[in-house]
Amino acid sequence: MKAYGNGTPQQCVLNLMSMVKGECPYERCKGLSDDLSGQPVTGVFGEVITEVYWNIQNYEPRAKEQDINLIMQDFLKGKFTIAATVLTNGG
């Protein structure tokens, strides 16, 4: 995490999508499940999208999720990137 500039809603959403559940000691539900990594995107697509939506709604009320997609990097190894477009109170 950066020493400053972490307060923007966009940065907070990025931090949420980079966290693994259980990583934050007092917020065990914050982050994405590590069970979803390394699996074929076709099998976990819905679960990943649901977890991203849930995390944004529960931990970053300043952001409204607009569009969330998974970008395939390596289909055989199950590597994907989460791309999220969010709106903030300012637009």
Protein backbone atom coordinates (compact mmCIF):
# COMPACT_ATOMS: atom_id res chain seq x y z
CA MET A 1 0.00 0.00 0.00
CA LYS A 2 1.20 3.47 -0.74
CA ALA A 3 2.22 5.86 2.04
CA TYR A 4 -0.32 8.45 0.82
CA GLY A 5 -3.11 8.71 -1.74
CA ASN A 6 -5.03 5.70 -0.42
CA GLY A 7 -8.17 7.65 0.38
CA THR A 8 -9.75 7.90 -3.05
CA PRO A 9 -12.68 5.56 -3.74
CA GLN A 10 -10.92 4.20 -6.83
CA GLN A 11 -7.81 3.29 -4.83
CA CYS A 12 -9.92 1.71 -2.10
CA VAL A 13 -11.74 -0.45 -4.68
CA LEU A 14 -8.38 -1.49 -6.15
CA ASN A 15 -7.15 -2.40 -2.67
CA LEU A 16 -10.31 -4.45 -2.01
CA MET A 17 -9.86 -6.42 -5.24
CA SER A 18 -6.22 -7.08 -4.33
CA MET A 19 -6.98 -8.52 -0.89
CA VAL A 20 -7.52 -12.16 -0.01
CA LYS A 21 -10.21 -13.09 2.52
CA GLY A 22 -8.69 -13.47 5.97
CA GLU A 23 -5.78 -11.15 5.21
CA CYS A 24 -7.23 -8.34 7.34
CA PRO A 25 -7.31 -9.64 10.95
CA TYR A 26 -10.45 -7.85 12.13
CA GLU A 27 -12.35 -8.03 8.82
CA ARG A 28 -12.15 -11.71 7.87
CA CYS A 29 -14.77 -11.34 5.09
CA LYS A 30 -12.99 -8.45 3.34
CA GLY A 31 -11.36 -9.42 0.05
CA LEU A 32 -11.72 -12.20 -2.49
CA SER A 33 -11.67 -15.90 -1.71
CA ASP A 34 -8.38 -17.63 -2.50
CA ASP A 35 -10.38 -20.72 -3.53
CA LEU A 36 -11.22 -18.91 -6.78
CA SER A 37 -7.65 -18.42 -7.94
CA GLY A 38 -6.05 -20.94 -10.25
CA GLN A 39 -9.38 -22.30 -11.47
CA PRO A 40 -10.82 -22.03 -14.98
CA VAL A 41 -12.55 -18.69 -15.39
CA THR A 42 -15.62 -20.39 -16.87
CA GLY A 43 -16.24 -22.15 -13.56
CA VAL A 44 -15.70 -19.21 -11.21
CA PHE A 45 -16.78 -16.21 -13.30
CA GLY A 46 -20.07 -15.68 -11.46
CA GLU A 47 -18.56 -16.18 -8.02
CA VAL A 48 -15.76 -13.68 -8.63
CA ILE A 49 -18.19 -11.05 -9.94
CA THR A 50 -20.49 -11.61 -6.96
CA GLU A 51 -17.63 -11.26 -4.47
CA VAL A 52 -16.38 -8.06 -6.12
CA TYR A 53 -19.88 -6.52 -6.01
CA TRP A 54 -20.34 -7.57 -2.39
CA ASN A 55 -16.98 -6.13 -1.30
CA ILE A 56 -17.61 -2.80 -3.02
CA GLN A 57 -21.12 -2.50 -1.58
CA ASN A 58 -20.04 -3.37 1.96
CA TYR A 59 -16.62 -1.76 2.27
CA GLU A 60 -16.62 1.22 -0.10
CA PRO A 61 -19.96 3.07 0.11
CA ARG A 62 -18.55 6.05 -1.84
CA ALA A 63 -18.30 3.93 -5.01
CA LYS A 64 -21.13 2.53 -7.12
CA GLU A 65 -20.08 -0.40 -9.28
CA GLN A 66 -20.85 0.24 -12.92
CA ASP A 67 -19.23 -2.62 -14.82
CA ILE A 68 -17.12 -5.58 -13.68
CA ASN A 69 -15.36 -7.93 -16.10
CA LEU A 70 -12.75 -10.65 -15.97
CA ILE A 71 -9.95 -10.34 -18.50
CA MET A 72 -8.39 -13.67 -19.40
CA GLN A 73 -4.59 -13.77 -19.26
CA ASP A 74 -3.89 -17.50 -19.49
CA PHE A 75 -6.92 -19.73 -19.95
CA LEU A 76 -5.16 -23.02 -19.18
CA LYS A 77 -3.63 -21.76 -15.92
CA GLY A 78 -6.77 -19.92 -14.81
CA LYS A 79 -5.07 -16.52 -14.70
CA PHE A 80 -7.37 -13.54 -15.02
CA THR A 81 -7.49 -9.87 -14.14
CA ILE A 82 -10.53 -8.13 -12.65
CA ALA A 83 -11.50 -4.93 -14.43
CA ALA A 84 -14.01 -2.74 -12.60
CA THR A 85 -15.56 0.58 -13.57
CA VAL A 86 -16.98 2.47 -10.59
CA LEU A 87 -18.72 5.78 -10.20
CA THR A 88 -18.14 7.99 -7.19
CA ASN A 89 -20.37 10.64 -5.63
CA GLY A 90 -18.64 13.20 -7.81
CA GLY A 91 -19.40 11.25 -11.01
